[in-house]
Amino acid sequence: MKKGLYSILKGTFLISDDAFKNWRMILFISALAIIMIASSHSADKKVHEIARLSNEVKELRSAMIDGRGKLMNLKKETVVEKKMKEKGLAISEIPPTKIKVKSQN
């Protein structure tokens, strides 16, 4: 037990005759660690992208609601009447009449 612990601390298990088995395991574990770190970074990047896109969606939704409110205000008859008075047009006092066309057949 003591000899095995000293072997690990001194690193002699890496240069002994059976070192090839140890190196293969160390390289395999190192490769797994690198893959795990890369996967974690990729997941973090995706989380940040999702958060950025959801904020953008919220901003666009609020802009759409604001624009819809402005449009509803501009469609009101009183607002249209004021804008037309500025241009010199007024609402007609005479109501419109239907024109009926009889076919000549």
N, C-alpha and C. Protein backbone atom coordinates (compact mmCIF):
# COMPACT_ATOMS: atom_id res chain seq x y z
N MET A 1 0.82 -1.19 0.00
CA MET A 1 0.00 0.00 0.00
C MET A 1 0.87 1.25 0.00
N LYS A 2 1.87 1.25 0.90
CA LYS A 2 2.75 2.38 1.00
C LYS A 2 3.57 2.55 -0.28
N LYS A 3 3.99 1.41 -0.85
CA LYS A 3 4.80 1.43 -2.06
C LYS A 3 3.98 1.97 -3.24
N GLY A 4 2.69 1.58 -3.31
CA GLY A 4 1.82 2.05 -4.39
C GLY A 4 1.59 3.55 -4.31
N LEU A 5 1.45 4.06 -3.09
CA LEU A 5 1.24 5.50 -2.91
C LEU A 5 2.49 6.28 -3.29
N TYR A 6 3.65 5.78 -2.89
CA TYR A 6 4.91 6.43 -3.28
C TYR A 6 5.11 6.38 -4.79
N SER A 7 4.68 5.29 -5.40
CA SER A 7 4.80 5.15 -6.85
C SER A 7 3.96 6.22 -7.56
N ILE A 8 2.76 6.47 -7.05
CA ILE A 8 1.90 7.49 -7.65
C ILE A 8 2.47 8.88 -7.41
N LEU A 9 2.94 9.17 -6.20
CA LEU A 9 3.47 10.48 -5.88
C LEU A 9 4.76 10.80 -6.66
N LYS A 10 5.62 9.80 -6.80
CA LYS A 10 6.88 10.02 -7.53
C LYS A 10 6.70 9.93 -9.04
N GLY A 11 5.62 9.30 -9.49
CA GLY A 11 5.37 9.19 -10.92
C GLY A 11 6.07 8.01 -11.55
N THR A 12 6.57 7.08 -10.76
CA THR A 12 7.27 5.93 -11.33
C THR A 12 6.32 4.96 -12.03
N PHE A 13 5.04 5.06 -11.75
CA PHE A 13 4.09 4.18 -12.43
C PHE A 13 3.98 4.55 -13.92
N LEU A 14 4.46 5.74 -14.28
CA LEU A 14 4.41 6.16 -15.68
C LEU A 14 5.60 5.66 -16.50
N ILE A 15 6.69 5.28 -15.82
CA ILE A 15 7.89 4.85 -16.56
C ILE A 15 8.23 3.39 -16.30
N SER A 16 7.38 2.68 -15.61
CA SER A 16 7.65 1.25 -15.34
C SER A 16 7.35 0.43 -16.59
N ASP A 17 7.54 -0.89 -16.49
CA ASP A 17 7.33 -1.78 -17.63
C ASP A 17 5.86 -1.83 -18.06
N ASP A 18 4.95 -1.74 -17.14
CA ASP A 18 3.52 -1.77 -17.46
C ASP A 18 2.95 -0.36 -17.69
N ALA A 19 3.81 0.58 -18.00
CA ALA A 19 3.39 1.98 -18.12
C ALA A 19 2.45 2.22 -19.30
N PHE A 20 2.54 1.36 -20.34
CA PHE A 20 1.71 1.56 -21.52
C PHE A 20 0.22 1.51 -21.15
N LYS A 21 -0.15 0.59 -20.28
CA LYS A 21 -1.55 0.50 -19.83
C LYS A 21 -1.95 1.78 -19.09
N ASN A 22 -1.06 2.26 -18.26
CA ASN A 22 -1.35 3.49 -17.50
C ASN A 22 -1.48 4.70 -18.43
N TRP A 23 -0.59 4.81 -19.40
CA TRP A 23 -0.65 5.94 -20.32
C TRP A 23 -1.92 5.93 -21.15
N ARG A 24 -2.32 4.74 -21.58
CA ARG A 24 -3.57 4.65 -22.35
C ARG A 24 -4.75 5.15 -21.52
N MET A 25 -4.81 4.74 -20.26
CA MET A 25 -5.91 5.16 -19.40
C MET A 25 -5.86 6.67 -19.14
N ILE A 26 -4.66 7.20 -18.90
CA ILE A 26 -4.50 8.63 -18.66
C ILE A 26 -4.92 9.43 -19.90
N LEU A 27 -4.50 9.00 -21.07
CA LEU A 27 -4.89 9.70 -22.31
C LEU A 27 -6.40 9.61 -22.54
N PHE A 28 -6.98 8.46 -22.25
CA PHE A 28 -8.43 8.29 -22.42
C PHE A 28 -9.19 9.22 -21.48
N ILE A 29 -8.77 9.28 -20.24
CA ILE A 29 -9.44 10.15 -19.26
C ILE A 29 -9.23 11.62 -19.63
N SER A 30 -8.04 11.97 -20.13
CA SER A 30 -7.78 13.35 -20.56
C SER A 30 -8.68 13.72 -21.74
N ALA A 31 -8.82 12.81 -22.69
CA ALA A 31 -9.69 13.07 -23.84
C ALA A 31 -11.14 13.26 -23.39
N LEU A 32 -11.59 12.43 -22.47
CA LEU A 32 -12.95 12.57 -21.95
C LEU A 32 -13.14 13.91 -21.24
N ALA A 33 -12.12 14.34 -20.50
CA ALA A 33 -12.20 15.62 -19.80
C ALA A 33 -12.28 16.78 -20.79
N ILE A 34 -11.50 16.71 -21.87
CA ILE A 34 -11.52 17.77 -22.89
C ILE A 34 -12.89 17.81 -23.57
N ILE A 35 -13.44 16.64 -23.88
CA ILE A 35 -14.77 16.59 -24.51
C ILE A 35 -15.83 17.15 -23.57
N MET A 36 -15.74 16.83 -22.29
CA MET A 36 -16.70 17.32 -21.31
C MET A 36 -16.62 18.85 -21.19
N ILE A 37 -15.42 19.40 -21.18
CA ILE A 37 -15.24 20.85 -21.08
C ILE A 37 -15.79 21.54 -22.32
N ALA A 38 -15.51 20.97 -23.50
CA ALA A 38 -16.02 21.55 -24.75
C ALA A 38 -17.55 21.52 -24.78
N SER A 39 -18.13 20.44 -24.33
CA SER A 39 -19.58 20.31 -24.28
C SER A 39 -20.19 21.34 -23.33
N SER A 40 -19.55 21.54 -22.22
CA SER A 40 -20.03 22.52 -21.24
C SER A 40 -19.99 23.93 -21.82
N HIS A 41 -18.90 24.27 -22.51
CA HIS A 41 -18.80 25.59 -23.13
C HIS A 41 -19.87 25.77 -24.21
N SER A 42 -20.11 24.73 -24.97
CA SER A 42 -21.13 24.79 -26.02
C SER A 42 -22.51 25.01 -25.40
N ALA A 43 -22.81 24.31 -24.33
CA ALA A 43 -24.11 24.48 -23.66
C ALA A 43 -24.25 25.89 -23.09
N ASP A 44 -23.19 26.42 -22.49
CA ASP A 44 -23.23 27.79 -21.96
C ASP A 44 -23.47 28.80 -23.08
N LYS A 45 -22.81 28.60 -24.22
CA LYS A 45 -22.99 29.50 -25.35
C LYS A 45 -24.43 29.48 -25.83
N LYS A 46 -25.04 28.29 -25.87
CA LYS A 46 -26.43 28.18 -26.30
C LYS A 46 -27.38 28.84 -25.30
N VAL A 47 -27.10 28.72 -24.03
CA VAL A 47 -27.93 29.36 -23.01
C VAL A 47 -27.89 30.87 -23.15
N HIS A 48 -26.69 31.43 -23.39
CA HIS A 48 -26.57 32.88 -23.57
C HIS A 48 -27.29 33.32 -24.84
N GLU A 49 -27.20 32.54 -25.91
CA GLU A 49 -27.88 32.87 -27.15
C GLU A 49 -29.40 32.85 -26.96
N ILE A 50 -29.91 31.87 -26.23
CA ILE A 50 -31.35 31.78 -25.96
C ILE A 50 -31.81 32.98 -25.14
N ALA A 51 -31.04 33.37 -24.15
CA ALA A 51 -31.40 34.54 -23.33
C ALA A 51 -31.40 35.81 -24.16
N ARG A 52 -30.41 35.97 -25.05
CA ARG A 52 -30.34 37.16 -25.90
C ARG A 52 -31.54 37.20 -26.85
N LEU A 53 -31.87 36.06 -27.44
CA LEU A 53 -32.99 36.02 -28.37
C LEU A 53 -34.33 36.25 -27.67
N SER A 54 -34.48 35.75 -26.45
CA SER A 54 -35.74 35.98 -25.74
C SER A 54 -35.88 37.46 -25.37
N ASN A 55 -34.78 38.12 -25.02
CA ASN A 55 -34.84 39.57 -24.76
C ASN A 55 -35.20 40.33 -26.02
N GLU A 56 -34.64 39.90 -27.15
CA GLU A 56 -34.96 40.55 -28.42
C GLU A 56 -36.44 40.36 -28.77
N VAL A 57 -36.98 39.18 -28.51
CA VAL A 57 -38.40 38.92 -28.77
C VAL A 57 -39.27 39.82 -27.90
N LYS A 58 -38.90 39.98 -26.64
CA LYS A 58 -39.67 40.86 -25.75
C LYS A 58 -39.65 42.30 -26.25
N GLU A 59 -38.49 42.77 -26.70
CA GLU A 59 -38.38 44.14 -27.21
C GLU A 59 -39.23 44.31 -28.46
N LEU A 60 -39.16 43.34 -29.37
CA LEU A 60 -39.94 43.43 -30.61
C LEU A 60 -41.44 43.36 -30.34
N ARG A 61 -41.84 42.53 -29.37
CA ARG A 61 -43.25 42.44 -29.03
C ARG A 61 -43.75 43.76 -28.46
N SER A 62 -42.95 44.39 -27.58
CA SER A 62 -43.38 45.67 -27.02
C SER A 62 -43.42 46.75 -28.09
N ALA A 63 -42.48 46.71 -29.04
CA ALA A 63 -42.52 47.68 -30.15
C ALA A 63 -43.75 47.46 -31.01
N MET A 64 -44.13 46.20 -31.23
CA MET A 64 -45.33 45.91 -32.02
C MET A 64 -46.58 46.43 -31.32
N ILE A 65 -46.68 46.22 -30.03
CA ILE A 65 -47.84 46.68 -29.27
C ILE A 65 -47.90 48.20 -29.28
N ASP A 66 -46.75 48.85 -29.14
CA ASP A 66 -46.70 50.32 -29.20
C ASP A 66 -47.13 50.82 -30.58
N GLY A 67 -46.65 50.18 -31.62
CA GLY A 67 -47.02 50.57 -32.98
C GLY A 67 -48.50 50.35 -33.25
N ARG A 68 -49.04 49.26 -32.73
CA ARG A 68 -50.47 48.99 -32.92
C ARG A 68 -51.31 50.05 -32.20
N GLY A 69 -50.87 50.48 -31.03
CA GLY A 69 -51.58 51.54 -30.30
C GLY A 69 -51.57 52.86 -31.06
N LYS A 70 -50.40 53.19 -31.63
CA LYS A 70 -50.31 54.42 -32.42
C LYS A 70 -51.21 54.34 -33.65
N LEU A 71 -51.24 53.19 -34.31
CA LEU A 71 -52.08 53.01 -35.48
C LEU A 71 -53.56 53.15 -35.12
N MET A 72 -53.98 52.56 -34.01
CA MET A 72 -55.38 52.68 -33.59
C MET A 72 -55.74 54.15 -33.32
N ASN A 73 -54.79 54.88 -32.76
CA ASN A 73 -55.03 56.30 -32.50
C ASN A 73 -55.15 57.08 -33.81
N LEU A 74 -54.29 56.76 -34.78
CA LEU A 74 -54.33 57.47 -36.06
C LEU A 74 -55.57 57.15 -36.87
N LYS A 75 -56.21 56.01 -36.63
CA LYS A 75 -57.40 55.62 -37.38
C LYS A 75 -58.67 56.26 -36.85
N LYS A 76 -58.61 56.92 -35.73
CA LYS A 76 -59.80 57.56 -35.16
C LYS A 76 -60.28 58.67 -36.09
N GLU A 77 -61.59 58.83 -36.13
CA GLU A 77 -62.19 59.81 -37.04
C GLU A 77 -61.77 61.23 -36.68
N THR A 78 -61.66 61.52 -35.40
CA THR A 78 -61.31 62.89 -34.99
C THR A 78 -59.88 63.23 -35.41
N VAL A 79 -58.98 62.27 -35.30
CA VAL A 79 -57.59 62.52 -35.70
C VAL A 79 -57.50 62.73 -37.20
N VAL A 80 -58.23 61.89 -37.96
CA VAL A 80 -58.23 62.03 -39.42
C VAL A 80 -58.82 63.38 -39.80
N GLU A 81 -59.89 63.79 -39.12
CA GLU A 81 -60.52 65.08 -39.42
C GLU A 81 -59.56 66.24 -39.17
N LYS A 82 -58.81 66.18 -38.06
CA LYS A 82 -57.85 67.25 -37.76
C LYS A 82 -56.76 67.32 -38.84
N LYS A 83 -56.28 66.17 -39.26
CA LYS A 83 -55.22 66.15 -40.28
C LYS A 83 -55.74 66.70 -41.60
N MET A 84 -56.98 66.38 -41.94
CA MET A 84 -57.55 66.87 -43.19
C MET A 84 -57.82 68.37 -43.13
N LYS A 85 -58.20 68.90 -41.95
CA LYS A 85 -58.40 70.36 -41.81
C LYS A 85 -57.09 71.10 -42.03
N GLU A 86 -55.98 70.52 -41.61
CA GLU A 86 -54.67 71.13 -41.82
C GLU A 86 -54.37 71.25 -43.31
N LYS A 87 -54.87 70.30 -44.10
CA LYS A 87 -54.63 70.31 -45.54
C LYS A 87 -55.73 71.05 -46.30
N GLY A 88 -56.73 71.55 -45.59
CA GLY A 88 -57.78 72.34 -46.22
C GLY A 88 -58.99 71.53 -46.65
N LEU A 89 -59.11 70.30 -46.19
CA LEU A 89 -60.27 69.47 -46.52
C LEU A 89 -61.21 69.40 -45.33
N ALA A 90 -62.50 69.26 -45.60
CA ALA A 90 -63.48 69.17 -44.51
C ALA A 90 -64.45 68.03 -44.82
N ILE A 91 -65.19 67.62 -43.80
CA ILE A 91 -66.19 66.57 -43.97
C ILE A 91 -67.38 67.15 -44.72
N SER A 92 -67.87 66.39 -45.66
CA SER A 92 -69.01 66.85 -46.46
C SER A 92 -70.27 66.86 -45.63
N GLU A 93 -71.08 67.90 -45.82
CA GLU A 93 -72.36 68.01 -45.12
C GLU A 93 -73.44 67.20 -45.83
N ILE A 94 -73.26 66.97 -47.13
CA ILE A 94 -74.23 66.21 -47.92
C ILE A 94 -73.84 64.74 -47.87
N PRO A 95 -74.75 63.87 -47.44
CA PRO A 95 -74.41 62.45 -47.36
C PRO A 95 -74.26 61.86 -48.76
N PRO A 96 -73.47 60.83 -48.89
CA PRO A 96 -73.30 60.21 -50.20
C PRO A 96 -74.57 59.51 -50.65
N THR A 97 -74.76 59.43 -51.97
CA THR A 97 -75.93 58.73 -52.53
C THR A 97 -75.45 57.59 -53.41
N LYS A 98 -76.33 56.59 -53.53
CA LYS A 98 -76.00 55.45 -54.37
C LYS A 98 -76.31 55.77 -55.82
N ILE A 99 -75.47 55.31 -56.70
CA ILE A 99 -75.71 55.46 -58.13
C ILE A 99 -76.11 54.09 -58.64
N LYS A 100 -77.30 54.03 -59.23
CA LYS A 100 -77.77 52.75 -59.75
C LYS A 100 -77.66 52.79 -61.28
N VAL A 101 -77.05 51.80 -61.82
CA VAL A 101 -76.89 51.70 -63.26
C VAL A 101 -77.74 50.53 -63.74
N LYS A 102 -78.64 50.81 -64.67
CA LYS A 102 -79.46 49.75 -65.23
C LYS A 102 -78.75 49.20 -66.46
N SER A 103 -78.77 47.92 -66.58
CA SER A 103 -78.11 47.32 -67.75
C SER A 103 -78.89 47.64 -69.01
N GLN A 104 -78.22 47.79 -70.12
CA GLN A 104 -78.86 48.18 -71.37
C GLN A 104 -79.22 46.97 -72.23
N ASN A 105 -79.21 45.81 -71.72
CA ASN A 105 -79.57 44.60 -72.49
C ASN A 105 -80.97 44.54 -72.79
